[in-house]
Amino acid sequence: MRKQRSRLLLQVLQSENNGFEHARLGLVVSKKAAKRANARNYMKRVIREWFRLHRHELPPHDFVVRVRQRFDRSNAADARTELAQLMRVKK
């Protein structure tokens, strides 16, 4: 069973237990969200860094994060806040 949550900038799909003892991350940043590769790479770096810092707090599920709308340095904090809200586990 999959759970899906969305906000303005991000969408998170979450699976049930993945059979490992740790959370895993998948990323989707389309050209529709940002035409330039450096912008897409920046968004992926921000998401990966948040995941690396909070991985130990997450359950052993697979998370796929899709960027719905472009963000850059000026609003990366908003994206991190959204990601924290979307990754909360509801039981």
N, C-alpha and C. Protein backbone atom coordinates (compact mmCIF):
# COMPACT_ATOMS: atom_id res chain seq x y z
N MET A 1 0.84 -1.18 0.00
CA MET A 1 0.00 0.00 0.00
C MET A 1 0.89 1.24 0.00
N ARG A 2 0.55 2.20 -0.81
CA ARG A 2 1.31 3.44 -0.91
C ARG A 2 0.55 4.58 -0.28
N LYS A 3 1.32 5.46 0.33
CA LYS A 3 0.74 6.68 0.87
C LYS A 3 1.35 7.83 0.10
N GLN A 4 0.52 8.80 -0.21
CA GLN A 4 0.98 9.95 -0.99
C GLN A 4 0.55 11.23 -0.30
N ARG A 5 1.49 12.15 -0.19
CA ARG A 5 1.20 13.46 0.39
C ARG A 5 1.83 14.53 -0.47
N SER A 6 1.18 15.68 -0.58
CA SER A 6 1.67 16.77 -1.42
C SER A 6 1.56 18.10 -0.72
N ARG A 7 2.45 18.98 -1.09
CA ARG A 7 2.41 20.38 -0.70
C ARG A 7 2.69 21.19 -1.96
N LEU A 8 2.94 22.46 -1.80
CA LEU A 8 3.17 23.35 -2.95
C LEU A 8 4.40 22.95 -3.75
N LEU A 9 5.51 22.70 -3.07
CA LEU A 9 6.78 22.44 -3.76
C LEU A 9 7.08 20.97 -3.99
N LEU A 10 6.63 20.11 -3.07
CA LEU A 10 7.04 18.70 -3.11
C LEU A 10 5.87 17.74 -2.98
N GLN A 11 6.10 16.52 -3.46
CA GLN A 11 5.17 15.42 -3.29
C GLN A 11 5.98 14.23 -2.80
N VAL A 12 5.46 13.49 -1.82
CA VAL A 12 6.17 12.33 -1.28
C VAL A 12 5.28 11.11 -1.37
N LEU A 13 5.82 10.06 -1.98
CA LEU A 13 5.18 8.75 -2.02
C LEU A 13 5.92 7.87 -1.03
N GLN A 14 5.17 7.14 -0.23
CA GLN A 14 5.79 6.31 0.81
C GLN A 14 5.24 4.90 0.70
N SER A 15 6.15 3.92 0.73
CA SER A 15 5.73 2.52 0.68
C SER A 15 5.66 1.96 2.10
N GLU A 16 5.22 0.72 2.19
CA GLU A 16 5.26 0.03 3.47
C GLU A 16 6.70 -0.39 3.73
N ASN A 17 6.93 -1.23 4.73
CA ASN A 17 8.29 -1.68 5.05
C ASN A 17 8.99 -2.19 3.79
N ASN A 18 10.26 -1.81 3.65
CA ASN A 18 11.00 -2.16 2.44
C ASN A 18 11.84 -3.43 2.59
N GLY A 19 11.81 -4.07 3.75
CA GLY A 19 12.59 -5.29 3.95
C GLY A 19 14.01 -5.03 4.40
N PHE A 20 14.40 -3.78 4.51
CA PHE A 20 15.71 -3.41 5.02
C PHE A 20 15.51 -2.80 6.39
N GLU A 21 16.59 -2.49 7.06
CA GLU A 21 16.48 -1.88 8.38
C GLU A 21 16.65 -0.37 8.34
N HIS A 22 16.58 0.20 7.14
CA HIS A 22 16.76 1.65 7.01
C HIS A 22 15.86 2.19 5.91
N ALA A 23 15.64 3.49 5.96
CA ALA A 23 14.83 4.16 4.95
C ALA A 23 15.65 4.33 3.67
N ARG A 24 14.96 4.35 2.53
CA ARG A 24 15.61 4.58 1.25
C ARG A 24 14.91 5.74 0.55
N LEU A 25 15.67 6.44 -0.30
CA LEU A 25 15.17 7.64 -0.95
C LEU A 25 15.25 7.52 -2.45
N GLY A 26 14.19 7.95 -3.13
CA GLY A 26 14.18 8.10 -4.57
C GLY A 26 13.81 9.53 -4.90
N LEU A 27 14.37 10.08 -5.97
CA LEU A 27 14.12 11.47 -6.32
C LEU A 27 13.64 11.59 -7.76
N VAL A 28 12.70 12.51 -7.99
CA VAL A 28 12.24 12.84 -9.33
C VAL A 28 12.22 14.36 -9.43
N VAL A 29 13.09 14.86 -10.31
CA VAL A 29 13.11 16.30 -10.58
C VAL A 29 13.07 16.44 -12.09
N SER A 30 11.93 16.79 -12.62
CA SER A 30 11.75 16.81 -14.07
C SER A 30 12.22 18.12 -14.69
N LYS A 31 12.37 18.09 -16.00
CA LYS A 31 12.72 19.31 -16.72
C LYS A 31 11.58 20.31 -16.68
N LYS A 32 10.39 19.82 -16.44
CA LYS A 32 9.24 20.72 -16.31
C LYS A 32 9.39 21.58 -15.06
N ALA A 33 9.97 21.01 -14.00
CA ALA A 33 10.18 21.75 -12.76
C ALA A 33 11.30 22.77 -12.91
N ALA A 34 12.37 22.38 -13.62
CA ALA A 34 13.50 23.30 -13.83
C ALA A 34 14.21 22.88 -15.12
N LYS A 35 14.33 23.79 -16.04
CA LYS A 35 14.95 23.48 -17.34
C LYS A 35 16.44 23.21 -17.23
N ARG A 36 17.13 23.99 -16.39
CA ARG A 36 18.59 23.89 -16.31
C ARG A 36 19.02 22.77 -15.37
N ALA A 37 20.01 22.00 -15.79
CA ALA A 37 20.50 20.87 -15.00
C ALA A 37 21.05 21.32 -13.66
N ASN A 38 21.71 22.48 -13.63
CA ASN A 38 22.28 22.92 -12.35
C ASN A 38 21.18 23.23 -11.33
N ALA A 39 20.04 23.71 -11.77
CA ALA A 39 18.91 23.96 -10.86
C ALA A 39 18.33 22.64 -10.36
N ARG A 40 18.19 21.66 -11.25
CA ARG A 40 17.69 20.34 -10.85
C ARG A 40 18.65 19.68 -9.87
N ASN A 41 19.94 19.78 -10.13
CA ASN A 41 20.94 19.18 -9.24
C ASN A 41 20.92 19.85 -7.87
N TYR A 42 20.74 21.16 -7.83
CA TYR A 42 20.68 21.86 -6.55
C TYR A 42 19.50 21.34 -5.71
N MET A 43 18.34 21.18 -6.34
CA MET A 43 17.16 20.69 -5.63
C MET A 43 17.40 19.28 -5.09
N LYS A 44 18.04 18.44 -5.90
CA LYS A 44 18.35 17.08 -5.44
C LYS A 44 19.33 17.10 -4.27
N ARG A 45 20.32 17.98 -4.32
CA ARG A 45 21.28 18.08 -3.22
C ARG A 45 20.60 18.48 -1.92
N VAL A 46 19.69 19.44 -1.99
CA VAL A 46 18.98 19.91 -0.80
C VAL A 46 18.17 18.76 -0.19
N ILE A 47 17.47 18.01 -1.02
CA ILE A 47 16.63 16.91 -0.53
C ILE A 47 17.50 15.78 0.03
N ARG A 48 18.56 15.42 -0.68
CA ARG A 48 19.46 14.37 -0.19
C ARG A 48 20.09 14.74 1.15
N GLU A 49 20.50 15.99 1.28
CA GLU A 49 21.12 16.43 2.52
C GLU A 49 20.13 16.35 3.68
N TRP A 50 18.89 16.77 3.46
CA TRP A 50 17.87 16.67 4.52
C TRP A 50 17.68 15.20 4.90
N PHE A 51 17.59 14.33 3.89
CA PHE A 51 17.37 12.91 4.14
C PHE A 51 18.55 12.31 4.92
N ARG A 52 19.77 12.69 4.55
CA ARG A 52 20.96 12.17 5.24
C ARG A 52 20.94 12.55 6.72
N LEU A 53 20.53 13.79 7.01
CA LEU A 53 20.53 14.27 8.39
C LEU A 53 19.40 13.66 9.23
N HIS A 54 18.30 13.24 8.59
CA HIS A 54 17.13 12.76 9.33
C HIS A 54 16.83 11.28 9.10
N ARG A 55 17.71 10.58 8.41
CA ARG A 55 17.48 9.18 8.06
C ARG A 55 17.22 8.31 9.28
N HIS A 56 17.93 8.56 10.36
CA HIS A 56 17.80 7.73 11.56
C HIS A 56 16.44 7.90 12.24
N GLU A 57 15.72 8.99 11.95
CA GLU A 57 14.40 9.22 12.55
C GLU A 57 13.27 8.58 11.74
N LEU A 58 13.57 8.16 10.52
CA LEU A 58 12.54 7.65 9.61
C LEU A 58 12.39 6.14 9.75
N PRO A 59 11.19 5.63 9.49
CA PRO A 59 10.98 4.18 9.54
C PRO A 59 11.60 3.51 8.31
N PRO A 60 11.74 2.19 8.32
CA PRO A 60 12.35 1.50 7.17
C PRO A 60 11.38 1.40 6.00
N HIS A 61 11.08 2.52 5.40
CA HIS A 61 10.20 2.58 4.23
C HIS A 61 10.97 3.15 3.05
N ASP A 62 10.39 2.98 1.86
CA ASP A 62 10.93 3.63 0.67
C ASP A 62 10.18 4.94 0.48
N PHE A 63 10.91 6.02 0.27
CA PHE A 63 10.32 7.33 0.04
C PHE A 63 10.74 7.82 -1.34
N VAL A 64 9.77 8.24 -2.14
CA VAL A 64 10.05 8.86 -3.43
C VAL A 64 9.59 10.30 -3.34
N VAL A 65 10.52 11.22 -3.54
CA VAL A 65 10.22 12.65 -3.45
C VAL A 65 10.21 13.21 -4.86
N ARG A 66 9.11 13.86 -5.23
CA ARG A 66 8.98 14.50 -6.54
C ARG A 66 8.88 16.00 -6.33
N VAL A 67 9.68 16.73 -7.06
CA VAL A 67 9.63 18.19 -7.00
C VAL A 67 8.51 18.66 -7.92
N ARG A 68 7.54 19.36 -7.35
CA ARG A 68 6.40 19.85 -8.13
C ARG A 68 6.66 21.23 -8.70
N GLN A 69 7.44 22.03 -7.97
CA GLN A 69 7.69 23.40 -8.37
C GLN A 69 9.13 23.76 -8.00
N ARG A 70 9.77 24.52 -8.86
CA ARG A 70 11.17 24.86 -8.66
C ARG A 70 11.39 25.66 -7.38
N PHE A 71 12.50 25.35 -6.70
CA PHE A 71 12.94 26.17 -5.57
C PHE A 71 14.44 26.39 -5.72
N ASP A 72 14.91 27.49 -5.15
CA ASP A 72 16.34 27.81 -5.21
C ASP A 72 16.80 28.24 -3.82
N ARG A 73 17.95 28.87 -3.75
CA ARG A 73 18.50 29.25 -2.45
C ARG A 73 17.57 30.16 -1.66
N SER A 74 16.82 30.98 -2.34
CA SER A 74 15.95 31.94 -1.65
C SER A 74 14.80 31.26 -0.90
N ASN A 75 14.31 30.13 -1.40
CA ASN A 75 13.21 29.45 -0.70
C ASN A 75 13.50 27.97 -0.42
N ALA A 76 14.78 27.61 -0.32
CA ALA A 76 15.16 26.23 0.01
C ALA A 76 14.71 25.87 1.43
N ALA A 77 14.68 26.85 2.32
CA ALA A 77 14.22 26.59 3.69
C ALA A 77 12.76 26.16 3.68
N ASP A 78 11.95 26.76 2.80
CA ASP A 78 10.54 26.35 2.67
C ASP A 78 10.45 24.90 2.20
N ALA A 79 11.31 24.54 1.26
CA ALA A 79 11.31 23.16 0.75
C ALA A 79 11.70 22.18 1.85
N ARG A 80 12.68 22.54 2.66
CA ARG A 80 13.09 21.66 3.77
C ARG A 80 11.95 21.50 4.78
N THR A 81 11.25 22.59 5.06
CA THR A 81 10.12 22.53 5.99
C THR A 81 9.02 21.63 5.43
N GLU A 82 8.71 21.79 4.14
CA GLU A 82 7.69 20.93 3.51
C GLU A 82 8.11 19.47 3.57
N LEU A 83 9.37 19.21 3.30
CA LEU A 83 9.86 17.84 3.30
C LEU A 83 9.71 17.23 4.69
N ALA A 84 10.03 17.98 5.72
CA ALA A 84 9.89 17.49 7.09
C ALA A 84 8.42 17.18 7.39
N GLN A 85 7.51 18.02 6.93
CA GLN A 85 6.08 17.78 7.15
C GLN A 85 5.60 16.55 6.39
N LEU A 86 6.06 16.39 5.16
CA LEU A 86 5.60 15.29 4.32
C LEU A 86 6.18 13.94 4.73
N MET A 87 7.36 13.94 5.31
CA MET A 87 8.01 12.69 5.69
C MET A 87 7.54 12.18 7.05
N ARG A 88 6.77 12.99 7.77
CA ARG A 88 6.24 12.51 9.06
C ARG A 88 5.44 11.24 8.83
N VAL A 89 5.64 10.30 9.68
CA VAL A 89 4.96 9.01 9.53
C VAL A 89 3.66 9.02 10.29
N LYS A 90 2.59 8.71 9.59
CA LYS A 90 1.28 8.62 10.25
C LYS A 90 0.93 7.17 10.40
N LYS A 91 0.58 6.75 11.60
CA LYS A 91 0.29 5.33 11.84
C LYS A 91 -1.19 5.08 11.89
